């Protein structure tokens, strides 16, 4: 899922939210990691699930270079979205819901 202000590099498949504990930790200016572990596995350490890069600090290419320079392999990489794209998406969703609630079938 693209984020409006961050580039995202997934390194592990996310666990289901109802069975996992998640945390976020800043590791460097403009770089955070998303940590996860199973709720039932209290003795194990949390694992890195994703890296997030602030788009004001890193271009997608710079984020990928940082990952490569730190020998971090990733499953997928999604550049940050344009905030106007997200606003338009929300507007489209609201329009659809309004039409559905008023009895119009799309």
PDB file of N, CA and C in Angstrom:
ATOM      1  N   UNK A   1       0.845  -1.185   0.000  1.00  0.00           N
ATOM      2  CA  UNK A   1       0.000   0.000   0.000  1.00  0.00           C
ATOM      3  C   UNK A   1       0.884   1.241   0.000  1.00  0.00           C
ATOM      4  N   UNK A   2       0.737   2.083  -0.968  1.00  0.00           N
ATOM      5  CA  UNK A   2       1.545   3.311  -0.987  1.00  0.00           C
ATOM      6  C   UNK A   2       1.088   4.287   0.106  1.00  0.00           C
ATOM      7  N   UNK A   3       2.039   5.017   0.621  1.00  0.00           N
ATOM      8  CA  UNK A   3       1.779   6.002   1.665  1.00  0.00           C
ATOM      9  C   UNK A   3       2.008   7.403   1.103  1.00  0.00           C
ATOM     10  N   UNK A   4       1.282   8.408   1.590  1.00  0.00           N
ATOM     11  CA  UNK A   4       1.407   9.746   1.012  1.00  0.00           C
ATOM     12  C   UNK A   4       2.709  10.460   1.338  1.00  0.00           C
ATOM     13  N   UNK A   5       3.371  10.119   2.422  1.00  0.00           N
ATOM     14  CA  UNK A   5       4.568  10.863   2.821  1.00  0.00           C
ATOM     15  C   UNK A   5       5.818  10.015   2.952  1.00  0.00           C
ATOM     16  N   UNK A   6       5.687   8.724   2.654  1.00  0.00           N
ATOM     17  CA  UNK A   6       6.817   7.822   2.856  1.00  0.00           C
ATOM     18  C   UNK A   6       6.949   6.810   1.726  1.00  0.00           C
ATOM     19  N   UNK A   7       8.190   6.523   1.388  1.00  0.00           N
ATOM     20  CA  UNK A   7       8.495   5.385   0.528  1.00  0.00           C
ATOM     21  C   UNK A   7       8.559   4.176   1.457  1.00  0.00           C
ATOM     22  N   UNK A   8       8.102   3.020   0.999  1.00  0.00           N
ATOM     23  CA  UNK A   8       8.047   1.835   1.840  1.00  0.00           C
ATOM     24  C   UNK A   8       8.745   0.665   1.171  1.00  0.00           C
ATOM     25  N   UNK A   9       9.621   0.019   1.942  1.00  0.00           N
ATOM     26  CA  UNK A   9      10.298  -1.192   1.481  1.00  0.00           C
ATOM     27  C   UNK A   9       9.927  -2.321   2.437  1.00  0.00           C
ATOM     28  N   UNK A  10       9.207  -3.317   1.938  1.00  0.00           N
ATOM     29  CA  UNK A  10       8.782  -4.451   2.763  1.00  0.00           C
ATOM     30  C   UNK A  10       9.867  -5.510   2.746  1.00  0.00           C
ATOM     31  N   UNK A  11      10.260  -5.955   3.941  1.00  0.00           N
ATOM     32  CA  UNK A  11      11.280  -7.000   4.041  1.00  0.00           C
ATOM     33  C   UNK A  11      10.714  -8.315   4.563  1.00  0.00           C
ATOM     34  N   UNK A  12       9.553  -8.277   5.202  1.00  0.00           N
ATOM     35  CA  UNK A  12       8.863  -9.468   5.698  1.00  0.00           C
ATOM     36  C   UNK A  12       7.372  -9.309   5.419  1.00  0.00           C
ATOM     37  N   UNK A  13       6.690 -10.405   5.237  1.00  0.00           N
ATOM     38  CA  UNK A  13       5.241 -10.362   5.078  1.00  0.00           C
ATOM     39  C   UNK A  13       4.624  -9.954   6.414  1.00  0.00           C
ATOM     40  N   UNK A  14       3.715  -8.992   6.412  1.00  0.00           N
ATOM     41  CA  UNK A  14       3.110  -8.596   7.678  1.00  0.00           C
ATOM     42  C   UNK A  14       2.237  -9.703   8.265  1.00  0.00           C
ATOM     43  N   UNK A  15       2.310  -9.837   9.577  1.00  0.00           N
ATOM     44  CA  UNK A  15       1.441 -10.771  10.278  1.00  0.00           C
ATOM     45  C   UNK A  15       0.042 -10.164  10.350  1.00  0.00           C
ATOM     46  N   UNK A  16      -0.987 -10.984  10.505  1.00  0.00           N
ATOM     47  CA  UNK A  16      -2.341 -10.431  10.660  1.00  0.00           C
ATOM     48  C   UNK A  16      -2.403  -9.504  11.886  1.00  0.00           C
ATOM     49  N   UNK A  17      -3.063  -8.361  11.729  1.00  0.00           N
ATOM     50  CA  UNK A  17      -3.086  -7.364  12.800  1.00  0.00           C
ATOM     51  C   UNK A  17      -3.655  -7.895  14.100  1.00  0.00           C
ATOM     52  N   UNK A  18      -4.648  -8.769  14.048  1.00  0.00           N
ATOM     53  CA  UNK A  18      -5.254  -9.256  15.283  1.00  0.00           C
ATOM     54  C   UNK A  18      -4.390 -10.278  16.014  1.00  0.00           C
ATOM     55  N   UNK A  19      -3.309 -10.751  15.394  1.00  0.00           N
ATOM     56  CA  UNK A  19      -2.450 -11.735  16.042  1.00  0.00           C
ATOM     57  C   UNK A  19      -1.012 -11.250  16.194  1.00  0.00           C
ATOM     58  N   UNK A  20      -0.787  -9.952  15.985  1.00  0.00           N
ATOM     59  CA  UNK A  20       0.587  -9.443  16.029  1.00  0.00           C
ATOM     60  C   UNK A  20       0.679  -8.154  16.828  1.00  0.00           C
ATOM     61  N   UNK A  21       1.907  -7.874  17.246  1.00  0.00           N
ATOM     62  CA  UNK A  21       2.242  -6.619  17.897  1.00  0.00           C
ATOM     63  C   UNK A  21       3.165  -5.874  16.938  1.00  0.00           C
ATOM     64  N   UNK A  22       2.871  -4.601  16.709  1.00  0.00           N
ATOM     65  CA  UNK A  22       3.678  -3.787  15.809  1.00  0.00           C
ATOM     66  C   UNK A  22       4.244  -2.593  16.570  1.00  0.00           C
ATOM     67  N   UNK A  23       5.413  -2.135  16.150  1.00  0.00           N
ATOM     68  CA  UNK A  23       6.022  -0.934  16.721  1.00  0.00           C
ATOM     69  C   UNK A  23       6.770  -0.218  15.607  1.00  0.00           C
ATOM     70  N   UNK A  24       7.011   1.059  15.824  1.00  0.00           N
ATOM     71  CA  UNK A  24       7.760   1.857  14.864  1.00  0.00           C
ATOM     72  C   UNK A  24       8.938   2.483  15.609  1.00  0.00           C
ATOM     73  N   UNK A  25      10.095   2.484  14.949  1.00  0.00           N
ATOM     74  CA  UNK A  25      11.297   3.038  15.571  1.00  0.00           C
ATOM     75  C   UNK A  25      12.080   3.828  14.533  1.00  0.00           C
ATOM     76  N   UNK A  26      12.437   5.058  14.881  1.00  0.00           N
ATOM     77  CA  UNK A  26      13.271   5.848  13.978  1.00  0.00           C
ATOM     78  C   UNK A  26      14.711   5.395  14.167  1.00  0.00           C
ATOM     79  N   UNK A  27      15.375   5.078  13.057  1.00  0.00           N
ATOM     80  CA  UNK A  27      16.753   4.597  13.142  1.00  0.00           C
ATOM     81  C   UNK A  27      17.760   5.617  12.628  1.00  0.00           C
ATOM     82  N   UNK A  28      17.271   6.608  11.910  1.00  0.00           N
ATOM     83  CA  UNK A  28      18.122   7.651  11.339  1.00  0.00           C
ATOM     84  C   UNK A  28      17.190   8.775  10.905  1.00  0.00           C
ATOM     85  N   UNK A  29      17.697   9.999  10.752  1.00  0.00           N
ATOM     86  CA  UNK A  29      16.793  11.059  10.289  1.00  0.00           C
ATOM     87  C   UNK A  29      16.117  10.680   8.975  1.00  0.00           C
ATOM     88  N   UNK A  30      14.786  10.659   8.997  1.00  0.00           N
ATOM     89  CA  UNK A  30      14.019  10.337   7.804  1.00  0.00           C
ATOM     90  C   UNK A  30      13.823   8.864   7.537  1.00  0.00           C
ATOM     91  N   UNK A  31      14.353   7.991   8.401  1.00  0.00           N
ATOM     92  CA  UNK A  31      14.222   6.541   8.200  1.00  0.00           C
ATOM     93  C   UNK A  31      13.658   5.901   9.465  1.00  0.00           C
ATOM     94  N   UNK A  32      12.585   5.135   9.279  1.00  0.00           N
ATOM     95  CA  UNK A  32      11.983   4.385  10.384  1.00  0.00           C
ATOM     96  C   UNK A  32      11.861   2.928   9.976  1.00  0.00           C
ATOM     97  N   UNK A  33      11.792   2.080  10.981  1.00  0.00           N
ATOM     98  CA  UNK A  33      11.506   0.669  10.728  1.00  0.00           C
ATOM     99  C   UNK A  33      10.180   0.330  11.403  1.00  0.00           C
ATOM    100  N   UNK A  34       9.458  -0.578  10.777  1.00  0.00           N
ATOM    101  CA  UNK A  34       8.245  -1.134  11.352  1.00  0.00           C
ATOM    102  C   UNK A  34       8.633  -2.520  11.858  1.00  0.00           C
ATOM    103  N   UNK A  35       8.402  -2.748  13.149  1.00  0.00           N
ATOM    104  CA  UNK A  35       8.746  -4.011  13.781  1.00  0.00           C
ATOM    105  C   UNK A  35       7.472  -4.807  14.042  1.00  0.00           C
ATOM    106  N   UNK A  36       7.602  -6.129  14.064  1.00  0.00           N
ATOM    107  CA  UNK A  36       6.445  -6.975  14.334  1.00  0.00           C
ATOM    108  C   UNK A  36       6.868  -8.245  15.043  1.00  0.00           C
ATOM    109  N   UNK A  37       5.924  -8.822  15.774  1.00  0.00           N
ATOM    110  CA  UNK A  37       6.071 -10.175  16.303  1.00  0.00           C
ATOM    111  C   UNK A  37       4.686 -10.686  16.658  1.00  0.00           C
ATOM    112  N   UNK A  38       4.574 -11.988  16.745  1.00  0.00           N
ATOM    113  CA  UNK A  38       3.313 -12.621  17.084  1.00  0.00           C
ATOM    114  C   UNK A  38       2.972 -12.331  18.538  1.00  0.00           C
ATOM    115  N   UNK A  39       1.708 -12.055  18.820  1.00  0.00           N
ATOM    116  CA  UNK A  39       1.279 -11.789  20.200  1.00  0.00           C
ATOM    117  C   UNK A  39       1.576 -12.974  21.112  1.00  0.00           C
ATOM    118  N   UNK A  40       1.472 -14.160  20.602  1.00  0.00           N
ATOM    119  CA  UNK A  40       1.687 -15.352  21.409  1.00  0.00           C
ATOM    120  C   UNK A  40       3.139 -15.689  21.643  1.00  0.00           C
ATOM    121  N   UNK A  41       4.053 -15.000  21.004  1.00  0.00           N
ATOM    122  CA  UNK A  41       5.477 -15.316  21.083  1.00  0.00           C
ATOM    123  C   UNK A  41       6.190 -14.259  21.928  1.00  0.00           C
ATOM    124  N   UNK A  42       5.880 -14.241  23.230  1.00  0.00           N
ATOM    125  CA  UNK A  42       6.363 -13.165  24.106  1.00  0.00           C
ATOM    126  C   UNK A  42       7.869 -13.172  24.324  1.00  0.00           C
ATOM    127  N   UNK A  43       8.530 -14.296  24.170  1.00  0.00           N
ATOM    128  CA  UNK A  43       9.970 -14.370  24.435  1.00  0.00           C
ATOM    129  C   UNK A  43      10.853 -14.067  23.232  1.00  0.00           C
ATOM    130  N   UNK A  44      10.261 -13.983  22.049  1.00  0.00           N
ATOM    131  CA  UNK A  44      11.089 -13.733  20.869  1.00  0.00           C
ATOM    132  C   UNK A  44      11.211 -12.227  20.623  1.00  0.00           C
ATOM    133  N   UNK A  45      12.310 -11.824  20.002  1.00  0.00           N
ATOM    134  CA  UNK A  45      12.472 -10.396  19.683  1.00  0.00           C
ATOM    135  C   UNK A  45      11.578  -9.991  18.517  1.00  0.00           C
ATOM    136  N   UNK A  46      11.333  -8.719  18.411  1.00  0.00           N
ATOM    137  CA  UNK A  46      10.575  -8.211  17.271  1.00  0.00           C
ATOM    138  C   UNK A  46      11.471  -8.248  16.045  1.00  0.00           C
ATOM    139  N   UNK A  47      10.856  -8.450  14.866  1.00  0.00           N
ATOM    140  CA  UNK A  47      11.591  -8.497  13.605  1.00  0.00           C
ATOM    141  C   UNK A  47      11.199  -7.298  12.753  1.00  0.00           C
ATOM    142  N   UNK A  48      12.135  -6.856  11.933  1.00  0.00           N
ATOM    143  CA  UNK A  48      11.847  -5.759  11.015  1.00  0.00           C
ATOM    144  C   UNK A  48      10.907  -6.281   9.936  1.00  0.00           C
ATOM    145  N   UNK A  49       9.790  -5.568   9.765  1.00  0.00           N
ATOM    146  CA  UNK A  49       8.813  -5.932   8.733  1.00  0.00           C
ATOM    147  C   UNK A  49       8.959  -5.013   7.525  1.00  0.00           C
ATOM    148  N   UNK A  50       9.322  -3.713   7.773  1.00  0.00           N
ATOM    149  CA  UNK A  50       9.434  -2.763   6.667  1.00  0.00           C
ATOM    150  C   UNK A  50      10.328  -1.583   7.060  1.00  0.00           C
ATOM    151  N   UNK A  51      10.869  -0.958   6.029  1.00  0.00           N
ATOM    152  CA  UNK A  51      11.604   0.308   6.183  1.00  0.00           C
ATOM    153  C   UNK A  51      10.761   1.392   5.561  1.00  0.00           C
ATOM    154  N   UNK A  52      10.702   2.546   6.218  1.00  0.00           N
ATOM    155  CA  UNK A  52       9.964   3.689   5.690  1.00  0.00           C
ATOM    156  C   UNK A  52      10.910   4.884   5.584  1.00  0.00           C
ATOM    157  N   UNK A  53      10.833   5.579   4.454  1.00  0.00           N
ATOM    158  CA  UNK A  53      11.698   6.721   4.169  1.00  0.00           C
ATOM    159  C   UNK A  53      10.845   7.951   3.911  1.00  0.00           C
ATOM    160  N   UNK A  54      11.072   9.027   4.650  1.00  0.00           N
ATOM    161  CA  UNK A  54      10.325  10.262   4.415  1.00  0.00           C
ATOM    162  C   UNK A  54      10.641  10.774   3.017  1.00  0.00           C
ATOM    163  N   UNK A  55       9.583  11.101   2.270  1.00  0.00           N
ATOM    164  CA  UNK A  55       9.812  11.551   0.897  1.00  0.00           C
ATOM    165  C   UNK A  55      10.450  12.932   0.851  1.00  0.00           C
ATOM    166  N   UNK A  56      10.368  13.707   1.950  1.00  0.00           N
ATOM    167  CA  UNK A  56      11.041  15.003   1.975  1.00  0.00           C
ATOM    168  C   UNK A  56      12.545  14.845   2.179  1.00  0.00           C
ATOM    169  N   UNK A  57      12.980  13.680   2.657  1.00  0.00           N
ATOM    170  CA  UNK A  57      14.406  13.428   2.885  1.00  0.00           C
ATOM    171  C   UNK A  57      15.044  12.558   1.800  1.00  0.00           C
ATOM    172  N   UNK A  58      14.222  11.697   1.172  1.00  0.00           N
ATOM    173  CA  UNK A  58      14.751  10.709   0.224  1.00  0.00           C
ATOM    174  C   UNK A  58      13.882  10.636  -1.022  1.00  0.00           C
ATOM    175  N   UNK A  59      14.517  10.589  -2.163  1.00  0.00           N
ATOM    176  CA  UNK A  59      13.796  10.234  -3.391  1.00  0.00           C
ATOM    177  C   UNK A  59      13.674   8.708  -3.380  1.00  0.00           C
ATOM    178  N   UNK A  60      12.831   8.128  -4.222  1.00  0.00           N
ATOM    179  CA  UNK A  60      12.776   6.659  -4.287  1.00  0.00           C
ATOM    180  C   UNK A  60      14.140   6.042  -4.612  1.00  0.00           C
ATOM    181  N   UNK A  61      14.874   6.674  -5.509  1.00  0.00           N
ATOM    182  CA  UNK A  61      16.194   6.152  -5.883  1.00  0.00           C
ATOM    183  C   UNK A  61      17.174   6.224  -4.710  1.00  0.00           C
ATOM    184  N   UNK A  62      17.120   7.320  -3.937  1.00  0.00           N
ATOM    185  CA  UNK A  62      18.003   7.449  -2.769  1.00  0.00           C
ATOM    186  C   UNK A  62      17.654   6.422  -1.699  1.00  0.00           C
ATOM    187  N   UNK A  63      16.381   6.155  -1.510  1.00  0.00           N
ATOM    188  CA  UNK A  63      15.960   5.147  -0.533  1.00  0.00           C
ATOM    189  C   UNK A  63      16.460   3.764  -0.955  1.00  0.00           C
ATOM    190  N   UNK A  64      16.308   3.431  -2.239  1.00  0.00           N
ATOM    191  CA  UNK A  64      16.787   2.140  -2.726  1.00  0.00           C
ATOM    192  C   UNK A  64      18.308   2.026  -2.607  1.00  0.00           C
ATOM    193  N   UNK A  65      19.007   3.125  -2.857  1.00  0.00           N
ATOM    194  CA  UNK A  65      20.469   3.127  -2.711  1.00  0.00           C
ATOM    195  C   UNK A  65      20.855   2.897  -1.262  1.00  0.00           C
ATOM    196  N   UNK A  66      20.143   3.541  -0.317  1.00  0.00           N
ATOM    197  CA  UNK A  66      20.418   3.356   1.105  1.00  0.00           C
ATOM    198  C   UNK A  66      20.246   1.888   1.472  1.00  0.00           C
ATOM    199  N   UNK A  67      19.165   1.268   1.001  1.00  0.00           N
ATOM    200  CA  UNK A  67      18.937  -0.149   1.280  1.00  0.00           C
ATOM    201  C   UNK A  67      20.070  -1.010   0.726  1.00  0.00           C
ATOM    202  N   UNK A  68      20.473  -0.730  -0.500  1.00  0.00           N
ATOM    203  CA  UNK A  68      21.559  -1.490  -1.119  1.00  0.00           C
ATOM    204  C   UNK A  68      22.868  -1.284  -0.361  1.00  0.00           C
ATOM    205  N   UNK A  69      23.178  -0.029  -0.014  1.00  0.00           N
ATOM    206  CA  UNK A  69      24.408   0.272   0.711  1.00  0.00           C
ATOM    207  C   UNK A  69      24.464  -0.413   2.076  1.00  0.00           C
ATOM    208  N   UNK A  70      23.295  -0.679   2.667  1.00  0.00           N
ATOM    209  CA  UNK A  70      23.225  -1.337   3.968  1.00  0.00           C
ATOM    210  C   UNK A  70      22.902  -2.824   3.845  1.00  0.00           C
ATOM    211  N   UNK A  71      23.007  -3.339   2.613  1.00  0.00           N
ATOM    212  CA  UNK A  71      22.829  -4.760   2.302  1.00  0.00           C
ATOM    213  C   UNK A  71      21.498  -5.300   2.820  1.00  0.00           C
ATOM    214  N   UNK A  72      20.444  -4.514   2.590  1.00  0.00           N
ATOM    215  CA  UNK A  72      19.102  -4.917   3.000  1.00  0.00           C
ATOM    216  C   UNK A  72      18.325  -5.302   1.746  1.00  0.00           C
ATOM    217  N   UNK A  73      17.930  -6.558   1.689  1.00  0.00           N
ATOM    218  CA  UNK A  73      17.094  -6.994   0.564  1.00  0.00           C
ATOM    219  C   UNK A  73      15.635  -6.811   0.949  1.00  0.00           C
ATOM    220  N   UNK A  74      14.808  -6.539  -0.044  1.00  0.00           N
ATOM    221  CA  UNK A  74      13.401  -6.275   0.230  1.00  0.00           C
ATOM    222  C   UNK A  74      12.535  -7.000  -0.776  1.00  0.00           C
ATOM    223  N   UNK A  75      11.307  -7.310  -0.332  1.00  0.00           N
ATOM    224  CA  UNK A  75      10.340  -8.027  -1.166  1.00  0.00           C
ATOM    225  C   UNK A  75       9.677  -7.096  -2.167  1.00  0.00           C
ATOM    226  N   UNK A  76       9.379  -5.886  -1.706  1.00  0.00           N
ATOM    227  CA  UNK A  76       8.716  -4.914  -2.565  1.00  0.00           C
ATOM    228  C   UNK A  76       9.099  -3.511  -2.115  1.00  0.00           C
ATOM    229  N   UNK A  77       8.999  -2.579  -3.059  1.00  0.00           N
ATOM    230  CA  UNK A  77       9.278  -1.173  -2.767  1.00  0.00           C
ATOM    231  C   UNK A  77       8.180  -0.341  -3.418  1.00  0.00           C
ATOM    232  N   UNK A  78       7.586   0.550  -2.618  1.00  0.00           N
ATOM    233  CA  UNK A  78       6.545   1.426  -3.146  1.00  0.00           C
ATOM    234  C   UNK A  78       6.910   2.878  -2.864  1.00  0.00           C
ATOM    235  N   UNK A  79       7.059   3.681  -3.910  1.00  0.00           N
ATOM    236  CA  UNK A  79       7.334   5.107  -3.698  1.00  0.00           C
ATOM    237  C   UNK A  79       6.130   5.782  -3.033  1.00  0.00           C
ATOM    238  N   UNK A  80       6.403   6.852  -2.334  1.00  0.00           N
ATOM    239  CA  UNK A  80       5.328   7.639  -1.725  1.00  0.00           C
ATOM    240  C   UNK A  80       4.411   8.154  -2.818  1.00  0.00           C
ATOM    241  N   UNK A  81       3.145   8.271  -2.481  1.00  0.00           N
ATOM    242  CA  UNK A  81       2.191   8.803  -3.447  1.00  0.00           C
ATOM    243  C   UNK A  81       2.175  10.320  -3.362  1.00  0.00           C
ATOM    244  N   UNK A  82       1.650  10.911  -4.378  1.00  0.00           N
ATOM    245  CA  UNK A  82       1.404  12.343  -4.374  1.00  0.00           C
ATOM    246  C   UNK A  82       0.201  12.579  -3.482  1.00  0.00           C
ATOM    247  N   UNK A  83       0.285  13.515  -2.553  1.00  0.00           N
ATOM    248  CA  UNK A  83      -0.826  13.740  -1.630  1.00  0.00           C
ATOM    249  C   UNK A  83      -2.108  14.098  -2.374  1.00  0.00           C
ATOM    250  N   UNK A  84      -2.002  14.692  -3.560  1.00  0.00           N
ATOM    251  CA  UNK A  84      -3.196  15.001  -4.348  1.00  0.00           C
ATOM    252  C   UNK A  84      -3.888  13.729  -4.839  1.00  0.00           C
ATOM    253  N   UNK A  85      -3.095  12.677  -5.103  1.00  0.00           N
ATOM    254  CA  UNK A  85      -3.677  11.401  -5.506  1.00  0.00           C
ATOM    255  C   UNK A  85      -4.545  10.864  -4.385  1.00  0.00           C
ATOM    256  N   UNK A  86      -4.048  10.918  -3.134  1.00  0.00           N
ATOM    257  CA  UNK A  86      -4.811  10.401  -2.002  1.00  0.00           C
ATOM    258  C   UNK A  86      -6.077  11.207  -1.779  1.00  0.00           C
ATOM    259  N   UNK A  87      -6.006  12.532  -1.905  1.00  0.00           N
ATOM    260  CA  UNK A  87      -7.192  13.353  -1.725  1.00  0.00           C
ATOM    261  C   UNK A  87      -8.228  13.014  -2.780  1.00  0.00           C
ATOM    262  N   UNK A  88      -7.792  12.814  -4.000  1.00  0.00           N
ATOM    263  CA  UNK A  88      -8.720  12.457  -5.076  1.00  0.00           C
ATOM    264  C   UNK A  88      -9.335  11.090  -4.799  1.00  0.00           C
ATOM    265  N   UNK A  89      -8.572  10.155  -4.343  1.00  0.00           N
ATOM    266  CA  UNK A  89      -9.080   8.833  -4.039  1.00  0.00           C
ATOM    267  C   UNK A  89     -10.148   8.910  -2.956  1.00  0.00           C
ATOM    268  N   UNK A  90      -9.891   9.663  -1.915  1.00  0.00           N
ATOM    269  CA  UNK A  90     -10.882   9.821  -0.850  1.00  0.00           C
ATOM    270  C   UNK A  90     -12.153  10.462  -1.402  1.00  0.00           C
ATOM    271  N   UNK A  91     -11.988  11.464  -2.264  1.00  0.00           N
ATOM    272  CA  UNK A  91     -13.143  12.144  -2.851  1.00  0.00           C
ATOM    273  C   UNK A  91     -13.961  11.164  -3.685  1.00  0.00           C
ATOM    274  N   UNK A  92     -13.278  10.353  -4.474  1.00  0.00           N
ATOM    275  CA  UNK A  92     -13.980   9.367  -5.298  1.00  0.00           C
ATOM    276  C   UNK A  92     -14.731   8.363  -4.425  1.00  0.00           C
ATOM    277  N   UNK A  93     -14.108   7.932  -3.356  1.00  0.00           N
ATOM    278  CA  UNK A  93     -14.764   6.988  -2.448  1.00  0.00           C
ATOM    279  C   UNK A  93     -15.995   7.616  -1.823  1.00  0.00           C
ATOM    280  N   UNK A  94     -15.860   8.853  -1.368  1.00  0.00           N
ATOM    281  CA  UNK A  94     -17.002   9.540  -0.752  1.00  0.00           C
ATOM    282  C   UNK A  94     -18.139   9.722  -1.759  1.00  0.00           C
ATOM    283  N   UNK A  95     -17.813  10.048  -2.995  1.00  0.00           N
ATOM    284  CA  UNK A  95     -18.845  10.184  -4.028  1.00  0.00           C
ATOM    285  C   UNK A  95     -19.571   8.859  -4.265  1.00  0.00           C
ATOM    286  N   UNK A  96     -18.813   7.783  -4.318  1.00  0.00           N
ATOM    287  CA  UNK A  96     -19.413   6.463  -4.536  1.00  0.00           C
ATOM    288  C   UNK A  96     -20.321   6.092  -3.372  1.00  0.00           C
ATOM    289  N   UNK A  97     -19.864   6.290  -2.154  1.00  0.00           N
ATOM    290  CA  UNK A  97     -20.668   5.961  -0.981  1.00  0.00           C
ATOM    291  C   UNK A  97     -21.942   6.799  -0.951  1.00  0.00           C
ATOM    292  N   UNK A  98     -21.809   8.087  -1.254  1.00  0.00           N
ATOM    293  CA  UNK A  98     -22.982   8.966  -1.272  1.00  0.00           C
ATOM    294  C   UNK A  98     -24.002   8.474  -2.289  1.00  0.00           C
ATOM    295  N   UNK A  99     -23.544   8.092  -3.491  1.00  0.00           N
ATOM    296  CA  UNK A  99     -24.460   7.582  -4.518  1.00  0.00           C
ATOM    297  C   UNK A  99     -25.111   6.281  -4.076  1.00  0.00           C
ATOM    298  N   UNK A 100     -24.326   5.389  -3.447  1.00  0.00           N
ATOM    299  CA  UNK A 100     -24.872   4.117  -3.003  1.00  0.00           C
ATOM    300  C   UNK A 100     -25.926   4.336  -1.917  1.00  0.00           C
ATOM    301  N   UNK A 101     -25.639   5.250  -0.989  1.00  0.00           N
ATOM    302  CA  UNK A 101     -26.586   5.507   0.090  1.00  0.00           C
ATOM    303  C   UNK A 101     -27.864   6.175  -0.411  1.00  0.00           C
ATOM    304  N   UNK A 102     -27.753   6.927  -1.493  1.00  0.00           N
ATOM    305  CA  UNK A 102     -28.957   7.583  -2.019  1.00  0.00           C
ATOM    306  C   UNK A 102     -29.762   6.665  -2.943  1.00  0.00           C
ATOM    307  N   UNK A 103     -29.337   5.433  -3.095  1.00  0.00           N
ATOM    308  CA  UNK A 103     -30.098   4.460  -3.879  1.00  0.00           C
ATOM    309  C   UNK A 103     -29.597   4.285  -5.298  1.00  0.00           C
ATOM    310  N   UNK A 104     -28.615   5.048  -5.711  1.00  0.00           N
ATOM    311  CA  UNK A 104     -28.083   4.893  -7.065  1.00  0.00           C
ATOM    312  C   UNK A 104     -27.203   3.651  -7.104  1.00  0.00           C
ATOM    313  N   UNK A 105     -27.285   2.917  -8.174  1.00  0.00           N
ATOM    314  CA  UNK A 105     -26.431   1.752  -8.355  1.00  0.00           C
ATOM    315  C   UNK A 105     -25.369   2.101  -9.383  1.00  0.00           C
ATOM    316  N   UNK A 106     -24.148   1.844  -9.026  1.00  0.00           N
ATOM    317  CA  UNK A 106     -23.035   2.215  -9.906  1.00  0.00           C
ATOM    318  C   UNK A 106     -22.692   1.032 -10.789  1.00  0.00           C
TER     319      UNK A 106
END
